[in-house]
């Protein structure tokens, strides 16, 4: 069976050449497999270095999300508190007779207070 790696020369050299080519071919395959294994190891080691950093960043993101959620809840609480206080102030003004309909009286009263300083 003829070798796929043809060899120039006589009939005697053809058999020896084909054998040498096969040995070189096998050596090249072994070298490439070794290089492939080395590259796979490097890739595994490289990715192993990133795993802790990725986990650290995920933890930081989770913490930031938790803090944002707490801040939003605090903001909602403050808005509700301000709305309740505004309602109380409006009710007190209404009871004291200082409504929008009597805005002129309120303005005159504030002007008098400021002028009295």
PDB file of N, CA and C in Angstrom:
ATOM      1  N   UNK A   1       0.856  -1.182   0.000  1.00  0.00           N
ATOM      2  CA  UNK A   1       0.000   0.000   0.000  1.00  0.00           C
ATOM      3  C   UNK A   1       0.893   1.234   0.000  1.00  0.00           C
ATOM      4  N   UNK A   2       0.681   2.155  -0.931  1.00  0.00           N
ATOM      5  CA  UNK A   2       1.551   3.328  -1.022  1.00  0.00           C
ATOM      6  C   UNK A   2       1.320   4.278   0.147  1.00  0.00           C
ATOM      7  N   UNK A   3       2.387   4.911   0.595  1.00  0.00           N
ATOM      8  CA  UNK A   3       2.318   5.858   1.715  1.00  0.00           C
ATOM      9  C   UNK A   3       1.759   7.187   1.220  1.00  0.00           C
ATOM     10  N   UNK A   4       0.926   7.840   2.017  1.00  0.00           N
ATOM     11  CA  UNK A   4       0.415   9.144   1.591  1.00  0.00           C
ATOM     12  C   UNK A   4       1.515  10.191   1.530  1.00  0.00           C
ATOM     13  N   UNK A   5       2.625   9.909   2.159  1.00  0.00           N
ATOM     14  CA  UNK A   5       3.765  10.835   2.121  1.00  0.00           C
ATOM     15  C   UNK A   5       4.799  10.240   1.175  1.00  0.00           C
ATOM     16  N   UNK A   6       4.586  10.443  -0.083  1.00  0.00           N
ATOM     17  CA  UNK A   6       5.449   9.859  -1.108  1.00  0.00           C
ATOM     18  C   UNK A   6       6.911  10.222  -0.899  1.00  0.00           C
ATOM     19  N   UNK A   7       7.793   9.302  -1.269  1.00  0.00           N
ATOM     20  CA  UNK A   7       9.225   9.510  -1.099  1.00  0.00           C
ATOM     21  C   UNK A   7       9.897   9.344  -2.439  1.00  0.00           C
ATOM     22  N   UNK A   8      10.754  10.238  -2.783  1.00  0.00           N
ATOM     23  CA  UNK A   8      11.464  10.135  -4.049  1.00  0.00           C
ATOM     24  C   UNK A   8      12.700   9.260  -3.848  1.00  0.00           C
ATOM     25  N   UNK A   9      12.938   8.448  -4.752  1.00  0.00           N
ATOM     26  CA  UNK A   9      14.128   7.604  -4.653  1.00  0.00           C
ATOM     27  C   UNK A   9      13.828   6.236  -5.199  1.00  0.00           C
ATOM     28  N   UNK A  10      14.756   5.331  -4.987  1.00  0.00           N
ATOM     29  CA  UNK A  10      14.614   3.983  -5.510  1.00  0.00           C
ATOM     30  C   UNK A  10      13.652   3.156  -4.701  1.00  0.00           C
ATOM     31  N   UNK A  11      13.466   1.920  -5.123  1.00  0.00           N
ATOM     32  CA  UNK A  11      12.547   1.002  -4.466  1.00  0.00           C
ATOM     33  C   UNK A  11      13.005   0.697  -3.057  1.00  0.00           C
ATOM     34  N   UNK A  12      14.317   0.534  -2.846  1.00  0.00           N
ATOM     35  CA  UNK A  12      14.813   0.235  -1.505  1.00  0.00           C
ATOM     36  C   UNK A  12      14.609   1.422  -0.580  1.00  0.00           C
ATOM     37  N   UNK A  13      14.822   2.602  -1.093  1.00  0.00           N
ATOM     38  CA  UNK A  13      14.664   3.801  -0.272  1.00  0.00           C
ATOM     39  C   UNK A  13      13.193   4.068   0.008  1.00  0.00           C
ATOM     40  N   UNK A  14      12.284   3.590  -0.841  1.00  0.00           N
ATOM     41  CA  UNK A  14      10.850   3.841  -0.659  1.00  0.00           C
ATOM     42  C   UNK A  14      10.330   3.237   0.620  1.00  0.00           C
ATOM     43  N   UNK A  15      10.689   2.032   0.939  1.00  0.00           N
ATOM     44  CA  UNK A  15      10.209   1.393   2.163  1.00  0.00           C
ATOM     45  C   UNK A  15      10.767   2.056   3.394  1.00  0.00           C
ATOM     46  N   UNK A  16      12.034   2.396   3.380  1.00  0.00           N
ATOM     47  CA  UNK A  16      12.675   3.060   4.518  1.00  0.00           C
ATOM     48  C   UNK A  16      12.133   4.474   4.664  1.00  0.00           C
ATOM     49  N   UNK A  17      11.884   5.144   3.543  1.00  0.00           N
ATOM     50  CA  UNK A  17      11.355   6.506   3.584  1.00  0.00           C
ATOM     51  C   UNK A  17       9.956   6.547   4.150  1.00  0.00           C
ATOM     52  N   UNK A  18       9.140   5.583   3.761  1.00  0.00           N
ATOM     53  CA  UNK A  18       7.769   5.533   4.270  1.00  0.00           C
ATOM     54  C   UNK A  18       7.773   5.267   5.758  1.00  0.00           C
ATOM     55  N   UNK A  19       8.660   4.403   6.223  1.00  0.00           N
ATOM     56  CA  UNK A  19       8.752   4.115   7.658  1.00  0.00           C
ATOM     57  C   UNK A  19       9.205   5.337   8.435  1.00  0.00           C
ATOM     58  N   UNK A  20      10.173   6.059   7.895  1.00  0.00           N
ATOM     59  CA  UNK A  20      10.677   7.273   8.547  1.00  0.00           C
ATOM     60  C   UNK A  20       9.587   8.347   8.571  1.00  0.00           C
ATOM     61  N   UNK A  21       8.843   8.461   7.480  1.00  0.00           N
ATOM     62  CA  UNK A  21       7.765   9.447   7.425  1.00  0.00           C
ATOM     63  C   UNK A  21       6.685   9.109   8.453  1.00  0.00           C
ATOM     64  N   UNK A  22       6.389   7.821   8.609  1.00  0.00           N
ATOM     65  CA  UNK A  22       5.388   7.414   9.600  1.00  0.00           C
ATOM     66  C   UNK A  22       5.839   7.747  11.012  1.00  0.00           C
ATOM     67  N   UNK A  23       7.135   7.519  11.276  1.00  0.00           N
ATOM     68  CA  UNK A  23       7.680   7.846  12.603  1.00  0.00           C
ATOM     69  C   UNK A  23       7.596   9.347  12.835  1.00  0.00           C
ATOM     70  N   UNK A  24       7.981  10.137  11.843  1.00  0.00           N
ATOM     71  CA  UNK A  24       7.892  11.596  11.975  1.00  0.00           C
ATOM     72  C   UNK A  24       6.444  12.046  12.178  1.00  0.00           C
ATOM     73  N   UNK A  25       5.546  11.407  11.446  1.00  0.00           N
ATOM     74  CA  UNK A  25       4.120  11.720  11.573  1.00  0.00           C
ATOM     75  C   UNK A  25       3.648  11.434  12.997  1.00  0.00           C
ATOM     76  N   UNK A  26       4.014  10.296  13.545  1.00  0.00           N
ATOM     77  CA  UNK A  26       3.599   9.928  14.914  1.00  0.00           C
ATOM     78  C   UNK A  26       4.221  10.875  15.934  1.00  0.00           C
ATOM     79  N   UNK A  27       5.498  11.250  15.714  1.00  0.00           N
ATOM     80  CA  UNK A  27       6.139  12.200  16.622  1.00  0.00           C
ATOM     81  C   UNK A  27       5.415  13.540  16.600  1.00  0.00           C
ATOM     82  N   UNK A  28       5.024  13.980  15.424  1.00  0.00           N
ATOM     83  CA  UNK A  28       4.303  15.258  15.303  1.00  0.00           C
ATOM     84  C   UNK A  28       2.954  15.185  16.010  1.00  0.00           C
ATOM     85  N   UNK A  29       2.270  14.060  15.863  1.00  0.00           N
ATOM     86  CA  UNK A  29       0.986  13.876  16.549  1.00  0.00           C
ATOM     87  C   UNK A  29       1.191  13.942  18.057  1.00  0.00           C
ATOM     88  N   UNK A  30       2.209  13.281  18.558  1.00  0.00           N
ATOM     89  CA  UNK A  30       2.488  13.289  19.999  1.00  0.00           C
ATOM     90  C   UNK A  30       2.818  14.701  20.482  1.00  0.00           C
ATOM     91  N   UNK A  31       3.609  15.441  19.685  1.00  0.00           N
ATOM     92  CA  UNK A  31       3.939  16.818  20.046  1.00  0.00           C
ATOM     93  C   UNK A  31       2.683  17.682  20.101  1.00  0.00           C
ATOM     94  N   UNK A  32       1.832  17.511  19.103  1.00  0.00           N
ATOM     95  CA  UNK A  32       0.592  18.303  19.066  1.00  0.00           C
ATOM     96  C   UNK A  32      -0.341  17.934  20.210  1.00  0.00           C
ATOM     97  N   UNK A  33      -0.412  16.652  20.546  1.00  0.00           N
ATOM     98  CA  UNK A  33      -1.254  16.237  21.678  1.00  0.00           C
ATOM     99  C   UNK A  33      -0.709  16.801  22.984  1.00  0.00           C
ATOM    100  N   UNK A  34       0.625  16.794  23.138  1.00  0.00           N
ATOM    101  CA  UNK A  34       1.234  17.363  24.335  1.00  0.00           C
ATOM    102  C   UNK A  34       0.962  18.866  24.414  1.00  0.00           C
ATOM    103  N   UNK A  35       1.093  19.556  23.287  1.00  0.00           N
ATOM    104  CA  UNK A  35       0.813  20.991  23.250  1.00  0.00           C
ATOM    105  C   UNK A  35      -0.657  21.269  23.563  1.00  0.00           C
ATOM    106  N   UNK A  36      -1.529  20.452  23.027  1.00  0.00           N
ATOM    107  CA  UNK A  36      -2.955  20.585  23.290  1.00  0.00           C
ATOM    108  C   UNK A  36      -3.243  20.399  24.783  1.00  0.00           C
ATOM    109  N   UNK A  37      -2.636  19.388  25.393  1.00  0.00           N
ATOM    110  CA  UNK A  37      -2.829  19.141  26.828  1.00  0.00           C
ATOM    111  C   UNK A  37      -2.312  20.322  27.642  1.00  0.00           C
ATOM    112  N   UNK A  38      -1.150  20.855  27.247  1.00  0.00           N
ATOM    113  CA  UNK A  38      -0.593  22.015  27.958  1.00  0.00           C
ATOM    114  C   UNK A  38      -1.535  23.217  27.862  1.00  0.00           C
ATOM    115  N   UNK A  39      -2.068  23.467  26.686  1.00  0.00           N
ATOM    116  CA  UNK A  39      -2.986  24.591  26.493  1.00  0.00           C
ATOM    117  C   UNK A  39      -4.286  24.400  27.279  1.00  0.00           C
ATOM    118  N   UNK A  40      -4.763  23.162  27.330  1.00  0.00           N
ATOM    119  CA  UNK A  40      -5.971  22.886  28.119  1.00  0.00           C
ATOM    120  C   UNK A  40      -5.714  23.154  29.593  1.00  0.00           C
ATOM    121  N   UNK A  41      -4.537  22.742  30.084  1.00  0.00           N
ATOM    122  CA  UNK A  41      -4.188  23.005  31.488  1.00  0.00           C
ATOM    123  C   UNK A  41      -4.117  24.507  31.761  1.00  0.00           C
ATOM    124  N   UNK A  42      -3.488  25.241  30.846  1.00  0.00           N
ATOM    125  CA  UNK A  42      -3.406  26.691  31.009  1.00  0.00           C
ATOM    126  C   UNK A  42      -4.789  27.327  31.019  1.00  0.00           C
ATOM    127  N   UNK A  43      -5.663  26.851  30.157  1.00  0.00           N
ATOM    128  CA  UNK A  43      -7.026  27.396  30.107  1.00  0.00           C
ATOM    129  C   UNK A  43      -7.763  27.117  31.412  1.00  0.00           C
ATOM    130  N   UNK A  44      -7.605  25.893  31.934  1.00  0.00           N
ATOM    131  CA  UNK A  44      -8.255  25.556  33.205  1.00  0.00           C
ATOM    132  C   UNK A  44      -7.715  26.415  34.335  1.00  0.00           C
ATOM    133  N   UNK A  45      -6.401  26.582  34.385  1.00  0.00           N
ATOM    134  CA  UNK A  45      -5.801  27.407  35.433  1.00  0.00           C
ATOM    135  C   UNK A  45      -6.233  28.859  35.293  1.00  0.00           C
ATOM    136  N   UNK A  46      -6.276  29.337  34.068  1.00  0.00           N
ATOM    137  CA  UNK A  46      -6.702  30.719  33.836  1.00  0.00           C
ATOM    138  C   UNK A  46      -8.134  30.953  34.281  1.00  0.00           C
ATOM    139  N   UNK A  47      -9.004  30.049  33.933  1.00  0.00           N
ATOM    140  CA  UNK A  47     -10.407  30.220  34.332  1.00  0.00           C
ATOM    141  C   UNK A  47     -10.554  30.046  35.840  1.00  0.00           C
ATOM    142  N   UNK A  48      -9.725  29.206  36.436  1.00  0.00           N
ATOM    143  CA  UNK A  48      -9.790  29.016  37.890  1.00  0.00           C
ATOM    144  C   UNK A  48      -9.423  30.303  38.615  1.00  0.00           C
ATOM    145  N   UNK A  49      -8.565  31.110  38.011  1.00  0.00           N
ATOM    146  CA  UNK A  49      -8.193  32.383  38.625  1.00  0.00           C
ATOM    147  C   UNK A  49      -9.363  33.369  38.606  1.00  0.00           C
ATOM    148  N   UNK A  50     -10.219  33.270  37.596  1.00  0.00           N
ATOM    149  CA  UNK A  50     -11.330  34.212  37.479  1.00  0.00           C
ATOM    150  C   UNK A  50     -12.515  33.859  38.371  1.00  0.00           C
ATOM    151  N   UNK A  51     -12.660  32.603  38.731  1.00  0.00           N
ATOM    152  CA  UNK A  51     -13.826  32.177  39.515  1.00  0.00           C
ATOM    153  C   UNK A  51     -13.934  32.933  40.833  1.00  0.00           C
ATOM    154  N   UNK A  52     -12.869  33.049  41.644  1.00  0.00           N
ATOM    155  CA  UNK A  52     -13.010  33.801  42.903  1.00  0.00           C
ATOM    156  C   UNK A  52     -13.369  35.267  42.674  1.00  0.00           C
ATOM    157  N   UNK A  53     -12.795  35.877  41.638  1.00  0.00           N
ATOM    158  CA  UNK A  53     -13.099  37.282  41.368  1.00  0.00           C
ATOM    159  C   UNK A  53     -14.550  37.442  40.942  1.00  0.00           C
ATOM    160  N   UNK A  54     -15.035  36.535  40.127  1.00  0.00           N
ATOM    161  CA  UNK A  54     -16.436  36.579  39.702  1.00  0.00           C
ATOM    162  C   UNK A  54     -17.353  36.438  40.911  1.00  0.00           C
ATOM    163  N   UNK A  55     -17.023  35.511  41.805  1.00  0.00           N
ATOM    164  CA  UNK A  55     -17.840  35.331  43.010  1.00  0.00           C
ATOM    165  C   UNK A  55     -17.806  36.588  43.883  1.00  0.00           C
ATOM    166  N   UNK A  56     -16.625  37.197  43.991  1.00  0.00           N
ATOM    167  CA  UNK A  56     -16.503  38.429  44.768  1.00  0.00           C
ATOM    168  C   UNK A  56     -17.372  39.533  44.178  1.00  0.00           C
ATOM    169  N   UNK A  57     -17.347  39.671  42.858  1.00  0.00           N
ATOM    170  CA  UNK A  57     -18.158  40.699  42.200  1.00  0.00           C
ATOM    171  C   UNK A  57     -19.648  40.418  42.349  1.00  0.00           C
ATOM    172  N   UNK A  58     -20.029  39.144  42.266  1.00  0.00           N
ATOM    173  CA  UNK A  58     -21.440  38.790  42.460  1.00  0.00           C
ATOM    174  C   UNK A  58     -21.887  39.141  43.875  1.00  0.00           C
ATOM    175  N   UNK A  59     -21.021  38.905  44.871  1.00  0.00           N
ATOM    176  CA  UNK A  59     -21.347  39.260  46.251  1.00  0.00           C
ATOM    177  C   UNK A  59     -21.509  40.770  46.405  1.00  0.00           C
ATOM    178  N   UNK A  60     -20.616  41.528  45.750  1.00  0.00           N
ATOM    179  CA  UNK A  60     -20.715  42.981  45.819  1.00  0.00           C
ATOM    180  C   UNK A  60     -22.008  43.479  45.180  1.00  0.00           C
ATOM    181  N   UNK A  61     -22.395  42.883  44.068  1.00  0.00           N
ATOM    182  CA  UNK A  61     -23.640  43.272  43.398  1.00  0.00           C
ATOM    183  C   UNK A  61     -24.834  42.972  44.305  1.00  0.00           C
ATOM    184  N   UNK A  62     -24.825  41.814  44.932  1.00  0.00           N
ATOM    185  CA  UNK A  62     -25.926  41.449  45.834  1.00  0.00           C
ATOM    186  C   UNK A  62     -26.017  42.426  46.995  1.00  0.00           C
ATOM    187  N   UNK A  63     -24.871  42.790  47.559  1.00  0.00           N
ATOM    188  CA  UNK A  63     -24.841  43.746  48.671  1.00  0.00           C
ATOM    189  C   UNK A  63     -25.362  45.109  48.226  1.00  0.00           C
ATOM    190  N   UNK A  64     -24.945  45.554  47.051  1.00  0.00           N
ATOM    191  CA  UNK A  64     -25.408  46.845  46.534  1.00  0.00           C
ATOM    192  C   UNK A  64     -26.921  46.826  46.293  1.00  0.00           C
ATOM    193  N   UNK A  65     -27.434  45.706  45.776  1.00  0.00           N
ATOM    194  CA  UNK A  65     -28.873  45.591  45.550  1.00  0.00           C
ATOM    195  C   UNK A  65     -29.627  45.631  46.880  1.00  0.00           C
ATOM    196  N   UNK A  66     -29.074  44.979  47.896  1.00  0.00           N
ATOM    197  CA  UNK A  66     -29.717  44.983  49.213  1.00  0.00           C
ATOM    198  C   UNK A  66     -29.731  46.401  49.783  1.00  0.00           C
ATOM    199  N   UNK A  67     -28.607  47.108  49.659  1.00  0.00           N
ATOM    200  CA  UNK A  67     -28.537  48.480  50.162  1.00  0.00           C
ATOM    201  C   UNK A  67     -29.505  49.395  49.415  1.00  0.00           C
ATOM    202  N   UNK A  68     -29.613  49.217  48.109  1.00  0.00           N
ATOM    203  CA  UNK A  68     -30.559  50.023  47.331  1.00  0.00           C
ATOM    204  C   UNK A  68     -32.000  49.758  47.760  1.00  0.00           C
ATOM    205  N   UNK A  69     -32.304  48.493  48.016  1.00  0.00           N
ATOM    206  CA  UNK A  69     -33.651  48.138  48.460  1.00  0.00           C
ATOM    207  C   UNK A  69     -33.966  48.800  49.805  1.00  0.00           C
ATOM    208  N   UNK A  70     -32.986  48.781  50.710  1.00  0.00           N
ATOM    209  CA  UNK A  70     -33.185  49.429  52.006  1.00  0.00           C
ATOM    210  C   UNK A  70     -33.370  50.938  51.839  1.00  0.00           C
ATOM    211  N   UNK A  71     -32.587  51.542  50.951  1.00  0.00           N
ATOM    212  CA  UNK A  71     -32.709  52.980  50.717  1.00  0.00           C
ATOM    213  C   UNK A  71     -34.083  53.326  50.150  1.00  0.00           C
ATOM    214  N   UNK A  72     -34.572  52.492  49.231  1.00  0.00           N
ATOM    215  CA  UNK A  72     -35.908  52.730  48.665  1.00  0.00           C
ATOM    216  C   UNK A  72     -36.990  52.619  49.733  1.00  0.00           C
ATOM    217  N   UNK A  73     -36.857  51.631  50.594  1.00  0.00           N
ATOM    218  CA  UNK A  73     -37.835  51.475  51.675  1.00  0.00           C
ATOM    219  C   UNK A  73     -37.793  52.679  52.615  1.00  0.00           C
ATOM    220  N   UNK A  74     -36.578  53.166  52.918  1.00  0.00           N
ATOM    221  CA  UNK A  74     -36.442  54.352  53.761  1.00  0.00           C
ATOM    222  C   UNK A  74     -37.049  55.577  53.109  1.00  0.00           C
ATOM    223  N   UNK A  75     -36.844  55.706  51.804  1.00  0.00           N
ATOM    224  CA  UNK A  75     -37.416  56.838  51.079  1.00  0.00           C
ATOM    225  C   UNK A  75     -38.943  56.774  51.091  1.00  0.00           C
ATOM    226  N   UNK A  76     -39.498  55.588  50.882  1.00  0.00           N
ATOM    227  CA  UNK A  76     -40.960  55.445  50.931  1.00  0.00           C
ATOM    228  C   UNK A  76     -41.502  55.820  52.311  1.00  0.00           C
ATOM    229  N   UNK A  77     -40.806  55.382  53.347  1.00  0.00           N
ATOM    230  CA  UNK A  77     -41.231  55.701  54.716  1.00  0.00           C
ATOM    231  C   UNK A  77     -41.214  57.208  54.941  1.00  0.00           C
ATOM    232  N   UNK A  78     -40.148  57.880  54.483  1.00  0.00           N
ATOM    233  CA  UNK A  78     -40.070  59.335  54.635  1.00  0.00           C
ATOM    234  C   UNK A  78     -41.177  60.042  53.853  1.00  0.00           C
ATOM    235  N   UNK A  79     -41.464  59.581  52.652  1.00  0.00           N
ATOM    236  CA  UNK A  79     -42.534  60.196  51.859  1.00  0.00           C
ATOM    237  C   UNK A  79     -43.881  60.029  52.540  1.00  0.00           C
ATOM    238  N   UNK A  80     -44.127  58.854  53.092  1.00  0.00           N
ATOM    239  CA  UNK A  80     -45.386  58.629  53.807  1.00  0.00           C
ATOM    240  C   UNK A  80     -45.469  59.532  55.031  1.00  0.00           C
ATOM    241  N   UNK A  81     -44.344  59.670  55.757  1.00  0.00           N
ATOM    242  CA  UNK A  81     -44.311  60.524  56.941  1.00  0.00           C
ATOM    243  C   UNK A  81     -44.577  61.980  56.569  1.00  0.00           C
ATOM    244  N   UNK A  82     -43.930  62.439  55.483  1.00  0.00           N
ATOM    245  CA  UNK A  82     -44.150  63.819  55.040  1.00  0.00           C
ATOM    246  C   UNK A  82     -45.599  64.045  54.610  1.00  0.00           C
ATOM    247  N   UNK A  83     -46.186  63.067  53.932  1.00  0.00           N
ATOM    248  CA  UNK A  83     -47.585  63.201  53.506  1.00  0.00           C
ATOM    249  C   UNK A  83     -48.506  63.299  54.720  1.00  0.00           C
ATOM    250  N   UNK A  84     -48.229  62.479  55.737  1.00  0.00           N
ATOM    251  CA  UNK A  84     -49.047  62.538  56.959  1.00  0.00           C
ATOM    252  C   UNK A  84     -48.889  63.886  57.658  1.00  0.00           C
ATOM    253  N   UNK A  85     -47.660  64.388  57.737  1.00  0.00           N
ATOM    254  CA  UNK A  85     -47.427  65.687  58.387  1.00  0.00           C
ATOM    255  C   UNK A  85     -48.083  66.821  57.602  1.00  0.00           C
ATOM    256  N   UNK A  86     -48.005  66.750  56.280  1.00  0.00           N
ATOM    257  CA  UNK A  86     -48.650  67.777  55.454  1.00  0.00           C
ATOM    258  C   UNK A  86     -50.156  67.765  55.671  1.00  0.00           C
ATOM    259  N   UNK A  87     -50.742  66.569  55.797  1.00  0.00           N
ATOM    260  CA  UNK A  87     -52.190  66.472  56.041  1.00  0.00           C
ATOM    261  C   UNK A  87     -52.534  67.083  57.400  1.00  0.00           C
ATOM    262  N   UNK A  88     -51.708  66.833  58.400  1.00  0.00           N
ATOM    263  CA  UNK A  88     -51.953  67.396  59.733  1.00  0.00           C
ATOM    264  C   UNK A  88     -51.849  68.918  59.682  1.00  0.00           C
ATOM    265  N   UNK A  89     -50.831  69.421  58.985  1.00  0.00           N
ATOM    266  CA  UNK A  89     -50.665  70.882  58.888  1.00  0.00           C
ATOM    267  C   UNK A  89     -51.848  71.504  58.159  1.00  0.00           C
ATOM    268  N   UNK A  90     -52.288  70.889  57.056  1.00  0.00           N
ATOM    269  CA  UNK A  90     -53.460  71.419  56.343  1.00  0.00           C
ATOM    270  C   UNK A  90     -54.694  71.421  57.243  1.00  0.00           C
ATOM    271  N   UNK A  91     -54.866  70.357  58.006  1.00  0.00           N
ATOM    272  CA  UNK A  91     -56.020  70.293  58.916  1.00  0.00           C
ATOM    273  C   UNK A  91     -55.923  71.369  59.995  1.00  0.00           C
ATOM    274  N   UNK A  92     -54.736  71.572  60.554  1.00  0.00           N
ATOM    275  CA  UNK A  92     -54.561  72.619  61.567  1.00  0.00           C
ATOM    276  C   UNK A  92     -54.838  74.002  60.984  1.00  0.00           C
ATOM    277  N   UNK A  93     -54.344  74.237  59.769  1.00  0.00           N
ATOM    278  CA  UNK A  93     -54.613  75.526  59.125  1.00  0.00           C
ATOM    279  C   UNK A  93     -56.103  75.710  58.882  1.00  0.00           C
ATOM    280  N   UNK A  94     -56.780  74.621  58.467  1.00  0.00           N
ATOM    281  CA  UNK A  94     -58.223  74.698  58.228  1.00  0.00           C
ATOM    282  C   UNK A  94     -58.954  75.017  59.524  1.00  0.00           C
ATOM    283  N   UNK A  95     -58.559  74.333  60.610  1.00  0.00           N
ATOM    284  CA  UNK A  95     -59.226  74.559  61.900  1.00  0.00           C
ATOM    285  C   UNK A  95     -58.978  75.965  62.427  1.00  0.00           C
ATOM    286  N   UNK A  96     -57.805  76.518  62.130  1.00  0.00           N
ATOM    287  CA  UNK A  96     -57.488  77.865  62.593  1.00  0.00           C
ATOM    288  C   UNK A  96     -58.086  78.931  61.684  1.00  0.00           C
ATOM    289  N   UNK A  97     -58.693  78.495  60.599  1.00  0.00           N
ATOM    290  CA  UNK A  97     -59.320  79.441  59.687  1.00  0.00           C
ATOM    291  C   UNK A  97     -58.380  79.989  58.637  1.00  0.00           C
ATOM    292  N   UNK A  98     -57.206  79.405  58.508  1.00  0.00           N
ATOM    293  CA  UNK A  98     -56.252  79.854  57.501  1.00  0.00           C
ATOM    294  C   UNK A  98     -56.323  78.937  56.283  1.00  0.00           C
ATOM    295  N   UNK A  99     -57.402  79.067  55.536  1.00  0.00           N
ATOM    296  CA  UNK A  99     -57.541  78.250  54.330  1.00  0.00           C
ATOM    297  C   UNK A  99     -57.172  79.083  53.124  1.00  0.00           C
ATOM    298  N   UNK A 100     -57.196  78.466  51.963  1.00  0.00           N
ATOM    299  CA  UNK A 100     -56.858  79.182  50.730  1.00  0.00           C
ATOM    300  C   UNK A 100     -57.845  80.316  50.468  1.00  0.00           C
ATOM    301  N   UNK A 101     -59.089  80.148  50.920  1.00  0.00           N
ATOM    302  CA  UNK A 101     -60.085  81.190  50.694  1.00  0.00           C
ATOM    303  C   UNK A 101     -59.733  82.443  51.473  1.00  0.00           C
ATOM    304  N   UNK A 102     -58.995  82.268  52.534  1.00  0.00           N
ATOM    305  CA  UNK A 102     -58.624  83.413  53.359  1.00  0.00           C
ATOM    306  C   UNK A 102     -57.149  83.748  53.170  1.00  0.00           C
ATOM    307  N   UNK A 103     -56.624  83.468  51.992  1.00  0.00           N
ATOM    308  CA  UNK A 103     -55.212  83.677  51.711  1.00  0.00           C
ATOM    309  C   UNK A 103     -54.771  85.114  51.939  1.00  0.00           C
ATOM    310  N   UNK A 104     -55.623  86.057  51.651  1.00  0.00           N
ATOM    311  CA  UNK A 104     -55.271  87.463  51.861  1.00  0.00           C
ATOM    312  C   UNK A 104     -54.994  87.755  53.321  1.00  0.00           C
ATOM    313  N   UNK A 105     -55.812  87.195  54.211  1.00  0.00           N
ATOM    314  CA  UNK A 105     -55.612  87.416  55.646  1.00  0.00           C
ATOM    315  C   UNK A 105     -54.278  86.822  56.094  1.00  0.00           C
ATOM    316  N   UNK A 106     -53.944  85.642  55.578  1.00  0.00           N
ATOM    317  CA  UNK A 106     -52.689  84.980  55.953  1.00  0.00           C
ATOM    318  C   UNK A 106     -51.520  85.814  55.474  1.00  0.00           C
ATOM    319  N   UNK A 107     -51.586  86.295  54.239  1.00  0.00           N
ATOM    320  CA  UNK A 107     -50.499  87.110  53.706  1.00  0.00           C
ATOM    321  C   UNK A 107     -50.309  88.379  54.537  1.00  0.00           C
ATOM    322  N   UNK A 108     -51.416  89.045  54.923  1.00  0.00           N
ATOM    323  CA  UNK A 108     -51.324  90.258  55.743  1.00  0.00           C
ATOM    324  C   UNK A 108     -50.732  89.938  57.107  1.00  0.00           C
ATOM    325  N   UNK A 109     -51.106  88.775  57.672  1.00  0.00           N
ATOM    326  CA  UNK A 109     -50.590  88.392  58.982  1.00  0.00           C
ATOM    327  C   UNK A 109     -49.074  88.161  58.895  1.00  0.00           C
ATOM    328  N   UNK A 110     -48.605  87.441  57.851  1.00  0.00           N
ATOM    329  CA  UNK A 110     -47.183  87.185  57.700  1.00  0.00           C
ATOM    330  C   UNK A 110     -46.428  88.496  57.457  1.00  0.00           C
ATOM    331  N   UNK A 111     -47.024  89.379  56.683  1.00  0.00           N
ATOM    332  CA  UNK A 111     -46.389  90.664  56.409  1.00  0.00           C
ATOM    333  C   UNK A 111     -46.249  91.463  57.700  1.00  0.00           C
ATOM    334  N   UNK A 112     -47.253  91.407  58.548  1.00  0.00           N
ATOM    335  CA  UNK A 112     -47.215  92.136  59.815  1.00  0.00           C
ATOM    336  C   UNK A 112     -46.147  91.548  60.720  1.00  0.00           C
ATOM    337  N   UNK A 113     -46.035  90.231  60.725  1.00  0.00           N
ATOM    338  CA  UNK A 113     -45.022  89.579  61.562  1.00  0.00           C
ATOM    339  C   UNK A 113     -43.618  89.957  61.086  1.00  0.00           C
ATOM    340  N   UNK A 114     -43.424  89.950  59.779  1.00  0.00           N
ATOM    341  CA  UNK A 114     -42.113  90.302  59.227  1.00  0.00           C
ATOM    342  C   UNK A 114     -41.793  91.776  59.505  1.00  0.00           C
ATOM    343  N   UNK A 115     -42.782  92.618  59.391  1.00  0.00           N
ATOM    344  CA  UNK A 115     -42.561  94.055  59.614  1.00  0.00           C
ATOM    345  C   UNK A 115     -42.301  94.355  61.083  1.00  0.00           C
ATOM    346  N   UNK A 116     -42.785  93.511  61.939  1.00  0.00           N
ATOM    347  CA  UNK A 116     -42.636  93.720  63.373  1.00  0.00           C
ATOM    348  C   UNK A 116     -41.282  93.320  63.908  1.00  0.00           C
ATOM    349  N   UNK A 117     -40.452  92.655  63.087  1.00  0.00           N
ATOM    350  CA  UNK A 117     -39.150  92.199  63.556  1.00  0.00           C
ATOM    351  C   UNK A 117     -38.253  93.340  63.866  1.00  0.00           C
TER     352      UNK A 117
END
